[in-house]
Each structure stands twice: as structure tokens, then as C-alpha cells.
Amino acid sequence: MGIELTFPIPEGITVAMMSVIIEFCSIVSTVLFGQSVRTYGDYSSSLFMAFFMFLSIITVCLVPAKFRREEVEKVAGSTELREFLTGQQKKPIIITAS
């Protein structure tokens, strides 16, 4: 979902950031799940995790189509910001007195 919502930023940058965030979240959720199993048991903990994953899937499905990368690319007419990738900038207009 993060890649979809960060359209003007190239996918490579977004994927790298998302990889770091996913690794961090995986570590935190593994530790929390371990604590939950010790406290509430394996059945209750697994049921909660399944419910949490279901909510995550529903959340991703509820992202409006206008925010998805495919729709934004159609509107923009390109897959990446050309100015961002090539370093091209608009040249300033210089007005001289004659």
C-alpha cells in the first residue's frame, strides 16, 4: 500500500523504505506474539493474529482507486517524474532592460 500511495517518488526508493519498515514491524510483532503466547496461550494468540491480518487486508482493499499508482500514472502520463530522475529543471526566464 505504501508503494501505491507514494506515486511521485520512484518505486525503488519506496521499496527500500518499505523493506526497512517491514523488517522492523516483523521483529516487533514476533516479540509481541511470543509474549502473547506465554500470557494468553497459543489458540487465543493465533486467533488474534488472524483477525489482525484480516483487518490489514480489508484496510488495503479500502484504498480508493484514485490513490493507486496505476490510476495516478494514467492521469500523469508517465511512470516516473522525469525531472526528478534526469535532473532537468525549468530554466528561469531572464528579463533584461533594453
PDB file of N, CA and C in Angstrom:
ATOM      1  N   MET A   1       0.823  -1.175   0.000  1.00  0.00           N
ATOM      2  CA  MET A   1       0.000   0.000   0.000  1.00  0.00           C
ATOM      3  C   MET A   1       0.874   1.247   0.000  1.00  0.00           C
ATOM      4  N   GLY A   2       2.005   1.179   0.661  1.00  0.00           N
ATOM      5  CA  GLY A   2       2.895   2.331   0.688  1.00  0.00           C
ATOM      6  C   GLY A   2       3.414   2.703  -0.684  1.00  0.00           C
ATOM      7  N   ILE A   3       3.696   1.701  -1.497  1.00  0.00           N
ATOM      8  CA  ILE A   3       4.169   1.962  -2.851  1.00  0.00           C
ATOM      9  C   ILE A   3       3.065   2.619  -3.663  1.00  0.00           C
ATOM     10  N   GLU A   4       1.853   2.193  -3.449  1.00  0.00           N
ATOM     11  CA  GLU A   4       0.723   2.767  -4.176  1.00  0.00           C
ATOM     12  C   GLU A   4       0.487   4.225  -3.803  1.00  0.00           C
ATOM     13  N   LEU A   5       0.680   4.565  -2.549  1.00  0.00           N
ATOM     14  CA  LEU A   5       0.338   5.903  -2.077  1.00  0.00           C
ATOM     15  C   LEU A   5       1.462   6.925  -2.224  1.00  0.00           C
ATOM     16  N   THR A   6       2.628   6.495  -2.657  1.00  0.00           N
ATOM     17  CA  THR A   6       3.758   7.427  -2.781  1.00  0.00           C
ATOM     18  C   THR A   6       4.143   7.605  -4.244  1.00  0.00           C
ATOM     19  N   PHE A   7       3.172   7.870  -5.107  1.00  0.00           N
ATOM     20  CA  PHE A   7       3.434   7.880  -6.545  1.00  0.00           C
ATOM     21  C   PHE A   7       4.569   8.774  -7.008  1.00  0.00           C
ATOM     22  N   PRO A   8       4.642  10.024  -6.666  1.00  0.00           N
ATOM     23  CA  PRO A   8       5.709  10.831  -7.288  1.00  0.00           C
ATOM     24  C   PRO A   8       7.112  10.340  -6.963  1.00  0.00           C
ATOM     25  N   ILE A   9       7.261   9.610  -5.889  1.00  0.00           N
ATOM     26  CA  ILE A   9       8.575   9.082  -5.523  1.00  0.00           C
ATOM     27  C   ILE A   9       8.802   7.792  -6.302  1.00  0.00           C
ATOM     28  N   PRO A  10       9.971   7.618  -6.931  1.00  0.00           N
ATOM     29  CA  PRO A  10      10.235   6.401  -7.697  1.00  0.00           C
ATOM     30  C   PRO A  10      10.064   5.140  -6.839  1.00  0.00           C
ATOM     31  N   GLU A  11       9.670   4.050  -7.487  1.00  0.00           N
ATOM     32  CA  GLU A  11       9.380   2.817  -6.777  1.00  0.00           C
ATOM     33  C   GLU A  11      10.587   2.273  -6.026  1.00  0.00           C
ATOM     34  N   GLY A  12      11.777   2.428  -6.570  1.00  0.00           N
ATOM     35  CA  GLY A  12      12.979   1.899  -5.918  1.00  0.00           C
ATOM     36  C   GLY A  12      13.196   2.481  -4.532  1.00  0.00           C
ATOM     37  N   ILE A  13      13.017   3.780  -4.399  1.00  0.00           N
ATOM     38  CA  ILE A  13      13.182   4.441  -3.104  1.00  0.00           C
ATOM     39  C   ILE A  13      12.109   3.970  -2.140  1.00  0.00           C
ATOM     40  N   THR A  14      10.885   3.879  -2.622  1.00  0.00           N
ATOM     41  CA  THR A  14       9.775   3.449  -1.770  1.00  0.00           C
ATOM     42  C   THR A  14       9.958   2.003  -1.324  1.00  0.00           C
ATOM     43  N   VAL A  15      10.409   1.133  -2.229  1.00  0.00           N
ATOM     44  CA  VAL A  15      10.617  -0.272  -1.885  1.00  0.00           C
ATOM     45  C   VAL A  15      11.694  -0.407  -0.810  1.00  0.00           C
ATOM     46  N   ALA A  16      12.754   0.359  -0.926  1.00  0.00           N
ATOM     47  CA  ALA A  16      13.818   0.296   0.085  1.00  0.00           C
ATOM     48  C   ALA A  16      13.302   0.730   1.453  1.00  0.00           C
ATOM     49  N   MET A  17      12.544   1.828   1.486  1.00  0.00           N
ATOM     50  CA  MET A  17      11.989   2.287   2.766  1.00  0.00           C
ATOM     51  C   MET A  17      11.017   1.267   3.333  1.00  0.00           C
ATOM     52  N   MET A  18      10.184   0.704   2.463  1.00  0.00           N
ATOM     53  CA  MET A  18       9.210  -0.276   2.921  1.00  0.00           C
ATOM     54  C   MET A  18       9.889  -1.533   3.446  1.00  0.00           C
ATOM     55  N   SER A  19      10.998  -1.936   2.852  1.00  0.00           N
ATOM     56  CA  SER A  19      11.723  -3.119   3.327  1.00  0.00           C
ATOM     57  C   SER A  19      12.217  -2.925   4.754  1.00  0.00           C
ATOM     58  N   VAL A  20      12.749  -1.752   5.030  1.00  0.00           N
ATOM     59  CA  VAL A  20      13.223  -1.460   6.384  1.00  0.00           C
ATOM     60  C   VAL A  20      12.059  -1.457   7.371  1.00  0.00           C
ATOM     61  N   ILE A  21      10.957  -0.839   6.994  1.00  0.00           N
ATOM     62  CA  ILE A  21       9.793  -0.775   7.876  1.00  0.00           C
ATOM     63  C   ILE A  21       9.208  -2.167   8.113  1.00  0.00           C
ATOM     64  N   ILE A  22       9.151  -2.983   7.065  1.00  0.00           N
ATOM     65  CA  ILE A  22       8.618  -4.337   7.212  1.00  0.00           C
ATOM     66  C   ILE A  22       9.494  -5.172   8.137  1.00  0.00           C
ATOM     67  N   GLU A  23      10.804  -5.057   8.006  1.00  0.00           N
ATOM     68  CA  GLU A  23      11.701  -5.795   8.896  1.00  0.00           C
ATOM     69  C   GLU A  23      11.489  -5.382  10.351  1.00  0.00           C
ATOM     70  N   PHE A  24      11.381  -4.091  10.583  1.00  0.00           N
ATOM     71  CA  PHE A  24      11.156  -3.594  11.940  1.00  0.00           C
ATOM     72  C   PHE A  24       9.829  -4.113  12.496  1.00  0.00           C
ATOM     73  N   CYS A  25       8.778  -4.009  11.703  1.00  0.00           N
ATOM     74  CA  CYS A  25       7.458  -4.487  12.148  1.00  0.00           C
ATOM     75  C   CYS A  25       7.457  -5.988  12.382  1.00  0.00           C
ATOM     76  N   SER A  26       8.192  -6.740  11.577  1.00  0.00           N
ATOM     77  CA  SER A  26       8.274  -8.186  11.769  1.00  0.00           C
ATOM     78  C   SER A  26       8.924  -8.538  13.090  1.00  0.00           C
ATOM     79  N   ILE A  27       9.983  -7.846  13.425  1.00  0.00           N
ATOM     80  CA  ILE A  27      10.668  -8.100  14.693  1.00  0.00           C
ATOM     81  C   ILE A  27       9.762  -7.770  15.865  1.00  0.00           C
ATOM     82  N   VAL A  28       9.110  -6.618  15.801  1.00  0.00           N
ATOM     83  CA  VAL A  28       8.224  -6.195  16.894  1.00  0.00           C
ATOM     84  C   VAL A  28       7.041  -7.161  17.034  1.00  0.00           C
ATOM     85  N   SER A  29       6.418  -7.537  15.913  1.00  0.00           N
ATOM     86  CA  SER A  29       5.258  -8.434  16.003  1.00  0.00           C
ATOM     87  C   SER A  29       5.650  -9.831  16.473  1.00  0.00           C
ATOM     88  N   THR A  30       6.856 -10.297  16.133  1.00  0.00           N
ATOM     89  CA  THR A  30       7.311 -11.598  16.613  1.00  0.00           C
ATOM     90  C   THR A  30       7.495 -11.590  18.122  1.00  0.00           C
ATOM     91  N   VAL A  31       8.093 -10.528  18.635  1.00  0.00           N
ATOM     92  CA  VAL A  31       8.280 -10.410  20.076  1.00  0.00           C
ATOM     93  C   VAL A  31       6.932 -10.315  20.794  1.00  0.00           C
ATOM     94  N   LEU A  32       6.025  -9.492  20.261  1.00  0.00           N
ATOM     95  CA  LEU A  32       4.700  -9.354  20.872  1.00  0.00           C
ATOM     96  C   LEU A  32       3.899 -10.651  20.808  1.00  0.00           C
ATOM     97  N   PHE A  33       4.012 -11.376  19.703  1.00  0.00           N
ATOM     98  CA  PHE A  33       3.306 -12.651  19.592  1.00  0.00           C
ATOM     99  C   PHE A  33       3.861 -13.662  20.598  1.00  0.00           C
ATOM    100  N   GLY A  34       5.171 -13.669  20.782  1.00  0.00           N
ATOM    101  CA  GLY A  34       5.770 -14.565  21.778  1.00  0.00           C
ATOM    102  C   GLY A  34       5.276 -14.257  23.183  1.00  0.00           C
ATOM    103  N   GLN A  35       5.211 -12.969  23.518  1.00  0.00           N
ATOM    104  CA  GLN A  35       4.686 -12.571  24.831  1.00  0.00           C
ATOM    105  C   GLN A  35       3.220 -12.962  24.968  1.00  0.00           C
ATOM    106  N   SER A  36       2.464 -12.789  23.887  1.00  0.00           N
ATOM    107  CA  SER A  36       1.043 -13.119  23.907  1.00  0.00           C
ATOM    108  C   SER A  36       0.826 -14.622  24.103  1.00  0.00           C
ATOM    109  N   VAL A  37       1.644 -15.445  23.461  1.00  0.00           N
ATOM    110  CA  VAL A  37       1.521 -16.904  23.623  1.00  0.00           C
ATOM    111  C   VAL A  37       1.798 -17.297  25.068  1.00  0.00           C
ATOM    112  N   ARG A  38       2.811 -16.691  25.670  1.00  0.00           N
ATOM    113  CA  ARG A  38       3.125 -17.005  27.078  1.00  0.00           C
ATOM    114  C   ARG A  38       2.021 -16.546  28.024  1.00  0.00           C
ATOM    115  N   THR A  39       1.373 -15.426  27.695  1.00  0.00           N
ATOM    116  CA  THR A  39       0.358 -14.864  28.590  1.00  0.00           C
ATOM    117  C   THR A  39      -1.028 -15.475  28.369  1.00  0.00           C
ATOM    118  N   TYR A  40      -1.473 -15.562  27.102  1.00  0.00           N
ATOM    119  CA  TYR A  40      -2.848 -15.956  26.801  1.00  0.00           C
ATOM    120  C   TYR A  40      -2.985 -17.346  26.180  1.00  0.00           C
ATOM    121  N   GLY A  41      -1.899 -17.946  25.798  1.00  0.00           N
ATOM    122  CA  GLY A  41      -1.963 -19.263  25.165  1.00  0.00           C
ATOM    123  C   GLY A  41      -1.882 -19.159  23.654  1.00  0.00           C
ATOM    124  N   ASP A  42      -1.620 -20.297  23.038  1.00  0.00           N
ATOM    125  CA  ASP A  42      -1.397 -20.278  21.593  1.00  0.00           C
ATOM    126  C   ASP A  42      -2.672 -20.094  20.783  1.00  0.00           C
ATOM    127  N   TYR A  43      -3.789 -20.670  21.212  1.00  0.00           N
ATOM    128  CA  TYR A  43      -5.032 -20.557  20.445  1.00  0.00           C
ATOM    129  C   TYR A  43      -5.527 -19.108  20.400  1.00  0.00           C
ATOM    130  N   SER A  44      -5.575 -18.452  21.543  1.00  0.00           N
ATOM    131  CA  SER A  44      -6.051 -17.063  21.594  1.00  0.00           C
ATOM    132  C   SER A  44      -5.119 -16.130  20.825  1.00  0.00           C
ATOM    133  N   SER A  45      -3.836 -16.366  20.962  1.00  0.00           N
ATOM    134  CA  SER A  45      -2.864 -15.518  20.264  1.00  0.00           C
ATOM    135  C   SER A  45      -2.963 -15.691  18.753  1.00  0.00           C
ATOM    136  N   SER A  46      -3.107 -16.919  18.298  1.00  0.00           N
ATOM    137  CA  SER A  46      -3.234 -17.176  16.862  1.00  0.00           C
ATOM    138  C   SER A  46      -4.530 -16.597  16.311  1.00  0.00           C
ATOM    139  N   LEU A  47      -5.597 -16.699  17.089  1.00  0.00           N
ATOM    140  CA  LEU A  47      -6.877 -16.137  16.671  1.00  0.00           C
ATOM    141  C   LEU A  47      -6.774 -14.616  16.534  1.00  0.00           C
ATOM    142  N   PHE A  48      -6.109 -13.963  17.480  1.00  0.00           N
ATOM    143  CA  PHE A  48      -5.925 -12.510  17.412  1.00  0.00           C
ATOM    144  C   PHE A  48      -5.091 -12.126  16.196  1.00  0.00           C
ATOM    145  N   MET A  49      -4.008 -12.864  15.926  1.00  0.00           N
ATOM    146  CA  MET A  49      -3.157 -12.544  14.779  1.00  0.00           C
ATOM    147  C   MET A  49      -3.911 -12.732  13.466  1.00  0.00           C
ATOM    148  N   ALA A  50      -4.738 -13.766  13.368  1.00  0.00           N
ATOM    149  CA  ALA A  50      -5.534 -13.982  12.158  1.00  0.00           C
ATOM    150  C   ALA A  50      -6.525 -12.835  11.963  1.00  0.00           C
ATOM    151  N   PHE A  51      -7.140 -12.392  13.041  1.00  0.00           N
ATOM    152  CA  PHE A  51      -8.068 -11.264  12.977  1.00  0.00           C
ATOM    153  C   PHE A  51      -7.340  -9.985  12.556  1.00  0.00           C
ATOM    154  N   PHE A  52      -6.155  -9.773  13.111  1.00  0.00           N
ATOM    155  CA  PHE A  52      -5.354  -8.594  12.772  1.00  0.00           C
ATOM    156  C   PHE A  52      -4.957  -8.606  11.295  1.00  0.00           C
ATOM    157  N   MET A  53      -4.580  -9.767  10.762  1.00  0.00           N
ATOM    158  CA  MET A  53      -4.234  -9.871   9.341  1.00  0.00           C
ATOM    159  C   MET A  53      -5.456  -9.620   8.467  1.00  0.00           C
ATOM    160  N   PHE A  54      -6.608 -10.123   8.888  1.00  0.00           N
ATOM    161  CA  PHE A  54      -7.849  -9.882   8.151  1.00  0.00           C
ATOM    162  C   PHE A  54      -8.157  -8.388   8.090  1.00  0.00           C
ATOM    163  N   LEU A  55      -7.990  -7.685   9.207  1.00  0.00           N
ATOM    164  CA  LEU A  55      -8.203  -6.238   9.216  1.00  0.00           C
ATOM    165  C   LEU A  55      -7.225  -5.518   8.292  1.00  0.00           C
ATOM    166  N   SER A  56      -5.992  -5.999   8.235  1.00  0.00           N
ATOM    167  CA  SER A  56      -4.994  -5.399   7.349  1.00  0.00           C
ATOM    168  C   SER A  56      -5.391  -5.556   5.888  1.00  0.00           C
ATOM    169  N   ILE A  57      -5.887  -6.731   5.537  1.00  0.00           N
ATOM    170  CA  ILE A  57      -6.320  -6.966   4.156  1.00  0.00           C
ATOM    171  C   ILE A  57      -7.496  -6.063   3.803  1.00  0.00           C
ATOM    172  N   ILE A  58      -8.448  -5.936   4.712  1.00  0.00           N
ATOM    173  CA  ILE A  58      -9.609  -5.074   4.472  1.00  0.00           C
ATOM    174  C   ILE A  58      -9.157  -3.621   4.297  1.00  0.00           C
ATOM    175  N   THR A  59      -8.221  -3.181   5.110  1.00  0.00           N
ATOM    176  CA  THR A  59      -7.712  -1.804   5.019  1.00  0.00           C
ATOM    177  C   THR A  59      -7.090  -1.541   3.653  1.00  0.00           C
ATOM    178  N   VAL A  60      -6.287  -2.483   3.157  1.00  0.00           N
ATOM    179  CA  VAL A  60      -5.654  -2.312   1.851  1.00  0.00           C
ATOM    180  C   VAL A  60      -6.705  -2.273   0.747  1.00  0.00           C
ATOM    181  N   CYS A  61      -7.729  -3.096   0.862  1.00  0.00           N
ATOM    182  CA  CYS A  61      -8.788  -3.128  -0.156  1.00  0.00           C
ATOM    183  C   CYS A  61      -9.622  -1.847  -0.160  1.00  0.00           C
ATOM    184  N   LEU A  62      -9.646  -1.128   0.942  1.00  0.00           N
ATOM    185  CA  LEU A  62     -10.450   0.084   1.036  1.00  0.00           C
ATOM    186  C   LEU A  62      -9.749   1.336   0.500  1.00  0.00           C
ATOM    187  N   VAL A  63      -8.495   1.198   0.046  1.00  0.00           N
ATOM    188  CA  VAL A  63      -7.795   2.344  -0.530  1.00  0.00           C
ATOM    189  C   VAL A  63      -8.512   2.730  -1.822  1.00  0.00           C
ATOM    190  N   PRO A  64      -8.971   3.977  -1.925  1.00  0.00           N
ATOM    191  CA  PRO A  64      -9.691   4.395  -3.136  1.00  0.00           C
ATOM    192  C   PRO A  64      -8.824   4.252  -4.384  1.00  0.00           C
ATOM    193  N   ALA A  65      -9.451   3.935  -5.492  1.00  0.00           N
ATOM    194  CA  ALA A  65      -8.721   3.724  -6.750  1.00  0.00           C
ATOM    195  C   ALA A  65      -7.943   4.958  -7.183  1.00  0.00           C
ATOM    196  N   LYS A  66      -8.437   6.139  -6.844  1.00  0.00           N
ATOM    197  CA  LYS A  66      -7.744   7.360  -7.289  1.00  0.00           C
ATOM    198  C   LYS A  66      -6.382   7.524  -6.622  1.00  0.00           C
ATOM    199  N   PHE A  67      -6.118   6.802  -5.531  1.00  0.00           N
ATOM    200  CA  PHE A  67      -4.824   6.889  -4.862  1.00  0.00           C
ATOM    201  C   PHE A  67      -3.860   5.790  -5.294  1.00  0.00           C
ATOM    202  N   ARG A  68      -4.303   4.860  -6.088  1.00  0.00           N
ATOM    203  CA  ARG A  68      -3.436   3.766  -6.511  1.00  0.00           C
ATOM    204  C   ARG A  68      -2.517   4.233  -7.617  1.00  0.00           C
ATOM    205  N   ARG A  69      -1.305   3.692  -7.642  1.00  0.00           N
ATOM    206  CA  ARG A  69      -0.267   4.115  -8.581  1.00  0.00           C
ATOM    207  C   ARG A  69      -0.733   3.987 -10.029  1.00  0.00           C
ATOM    208  N   GLU A  70      -1.429   2.935 -10.368  1.00  0.00           N
ATOM    209  CA  GLU A  70      -1.851   2.727 -11.744  1.00  0.00           C
ATOM    210  C   GLU A  70      -2.747   3.861 -12.238  1.00  0.00           C
ATOM    211  N   GLU A  71      -3.687   4.290 -11.424  1.00  0.00           N
ATOM    212  CA  GLU A  71      -4.578   5.378 -11.818  1.00  0.00           C
ATOM    213  C   GLU A  71      -3.829   6.698 -11.914  1.00  0.00           C
ATOM    214  N   VAL A  72      -2.942   6.956 -10.968  1.00  0.00           N
ATOM    215  CA  VAL A  72      -2.195   8.208 -10.975  1.00  0.00           C
ATOM    216  C   VAL A  72      -1.256   8.263 -12.179  1.00  0.00           C
ATOM    217  N   GLU A  73      -0.664   7.115 -12.544  1.00  0.00           N
ATOM    218  CA  GLU A  73       0.195   7.076 -13.721  1.00  0.00           C
ATOM    219  C   GLU A  73      -0.589   7.372 -14.991  1.00  0.00           C
ATOM    220  N   LYS A  74      -1.813   6.873 -15.072  1.00  0.00           N
ATOM    221  CA  LYS A  74      -2.646   7.159 -16.242  1.00  0.00           C
ATOM    222  C   LYS A  74      -2.917   8.651 -16.363  1.00  0.00           C
ATOM    223  N   VAL A  75      -3.219   9.282 -15.229  1.00  0.00           N
ATOM    224  CA  VAL A  75      -3.507  10.713 -15.231  1.00  0.00           C
ATOM    225  C   VAL A  75      -2.247  11.509 -15.545  1.00  0.00           C
ATOM    226  N   ALA A  76      -1.119  11.113 -14.959  1.00  0.00           N
ATOM    227  CA  ALA A  76       0.128  11.854 -15.148  1.00  0.00           C
ATOM    228  C   ALA A  76       0.744  11.595 -16.517  1.00  0.00           C
ATOM    229  N   GLY A  77       0.456  10.452 -17.118  1.00  0.00           N
ATOM    230  CA  GLY A  77       1.010  10.146 -18.426  1.00  0.00           C
ATOM    231  C   GLY A  77       2.425   9.616 -18.391  1.00  0.00           C
ATOM    232  N   SER A  78       2.944   9.281 -17.219  1.00  0.00           N
ATOM    233  CA  SER A  78       4.286   8.716 -17.121  1.00  0.00           C
ATOM    234  C   SER A  78       4.373   7.826 -15.896  1.00  0.00           C
ATOM    235  N   THR A  79       5.439   7.017 -15.845  1.00  0.00           N
ATOM    236  CA  THR A  79       5.607   6.120 -14.705  1.00  0.00           C
ATOM    237  C   THR A  79       6.497   6.726 -13.628  1.00  0.00           C
ATOM    238  N   GLU A  80       7.314   7.673 -13.985  1.00  0.00           N
ATOM    239  CA  GLU A  80       8.202   8.320 -13.020  1.00  0.00           C
ATOM    240  C   GLU A  80       8.220   9.818 -13.310  1.00  0.00           C
ATOM    241  N   LEU A  81       8.659  10.578 -12.348  1.00  0.00           N
ATOM    242  CA  LEU A  81       8.844  12.004 -12.602  1.00  0.00           C
ATOM    243  C   LEU A  81      10.123  12.189 -13.409  1.00  0.00           C
ATOM    244  N   ARG A  82       9.980  12.620 -14.623  1.00  0.00           N
ATOM    245  CA  ARG A  82      11.153  12.753 -15.483  1.00  0.00           C
ATOM    246  C   ARG A  82      12.143  13.785 -14.939  1.00  0.00           C
ATOM    247  N   GLU A  83      11.626  14.878 -14.409  1.00  0.00           N
ATOM    248  CA  GLU A  83      12.509  15.923 -13.890  1.00  0.00           C
ATOM    249  C   GLU A  83      13.311  15.409 -12.694  1.00  0.00           C
ATOM    250  N   PHE A  84      12.691  14.565 -11.879  1.00  0.00           N
ATOM    251  CA  PHE A  84      13.357  14.045 -10.684  1.00  0.00           C
ATOM    252  C   PHE A  84      14.486  13.095 -11.077  1.00  0.00           C
ATOM    253  N   LEU A  85      14.242  12.261 -12.079  1.00  0.00           N
ATOM    254  CA  LEU A  85      15.225  11.257 -12.464  1.00  0.00           C
ATOM    255  C   LEU A  85      16.361  11.823 -13.297  1.00  0.00           C
ATOM    256  N   THR A  86      16.076  12.752 -14.197  1.00  0.00           N
ATOM    257  CA  THR A  86      17.109  13.244 -15.101  1.00  0.00           C
ATOM    258  C   THR A  86      17.797  14.500 -14.594  1.00  0.00           C
ATOM    259  N   GLY A  87      17.271  15.115 -13.574  1.00  0.00           N
ATOM    260  CA  GLY A  87      17.875  16.322 -13.040  1.00  0.00           C
ATOM    261  C   GLY A  87      17.545  17.564 -13.853  1.00  0.00           C
ATOM    262  N   GLN A  88      16.626  17.450 -14.794  1.00  0.00           N
ATOM    263  CA  GLN A  88      16.245  18.609 -15.597  1.00  0.00           C
ATOM    264  C   GLN A  88      15.421  19.561 -14.745  1.00  0.00           C
ATOM    265  N   GLN A  89      15.715  20.802 -14.883  1.00  0.00           N
ATOM    266  CA  GLN A  89      14.963  21.820 -14.167  1.00  0.00           C
ATOM    267  C   GLN A  89      14.499  22.859 -15.165  1.00  0.00           C
ATOM    268  N   LYS A  90      13.428  23.514 -14.843  1.00  0.00           N
ATOM    269  CA  LYS A  90      12.968  24.594 -15.706  1.00  0.00           C
ATOM    270  C   LYS A  90      13.943  25.752 -15.599  1.00  0.00           C
ATOM    271  N   LYS A  91      14.307  26.288 -16.726  1.00  0.00           N
ATOM    272  CA  LYS A  91      15.220  27.420 -16.736  1.00  0.00           C
ATOM    273  C   LYS A  91      14.463  28.683 -16.416  1.00  0.00           C
ATOM    274  N   PRO A  92      15.024  29.524 -15.576  1.00  0.00           N
ATOM    275  CA  PRO A  92      14.319  30.767 -15.240  1.00  0.00           C
ATOM    276  C   PRO A  92      14.304  31.715 -16.431  1.00  0.00           C
ATOM    277  N   ILE A  93      13.251  32.482 -16.511  1.00  0.00           N
ATOM    278  CA  ILE A  93      13.135  33.478 -17.579  1.00  0.00           C
ATOM    279  C   ILE A  93      13.837  34.732 -17.083  1.00  0.00           C
ATOM    280  N   ILE A  94      14.797  35.196 -17.878  1.00  0.00           N
ATOM    281  CA  ILE A  94      15.554  36.383 -17.500  1.00  0.00           C
ATOM    282  C   ILE A  94      15.081  37.546 -18.358  1.00  0.00           C
ATOM    283  N   ILE A  95      14.621  38.565 -17.692  1.00  0.00           N
ATOM    284  CA  ILE A  95      14.127  39.749 -18.399  1.00  0.00           C
ATOM    285  C   ILE A  95      15.225  40.813 -18.301  1.00  0.00           C
ATOM    286  N   THR A  96      15.647  41.294 -19.454  1.00  0.00           N
ATOM    287  CA  THR A  96      16.698  42.321 -19.468  1.00  0.00           C
ATOM    288  C   THR A  96      16.094  43.646 -19.944  1.00  0.00           C
ATOM    289  N   ALA A  97      16.609  44.689 -19.409  1.00  0.00           N
ATOM    290  CA  ALA A  97      16.153  46.021 -19.816  1.00  0.00           C
ATOM    291  C   ALA A  97      16.903  46.439 -21.068  1.00  0.00           C
ATOM    292  N   SER A  98      16.189  46.939 -22.077  1.00  0.00           N
ATOM    293  CA  SER A  98      16.881  47.356 -23.286  1.00  0.00           C
ATOM    294  C   SER A  98      16.654  48.812 -23.584  1.00  0.00           C
TER     295      SER A  98
END
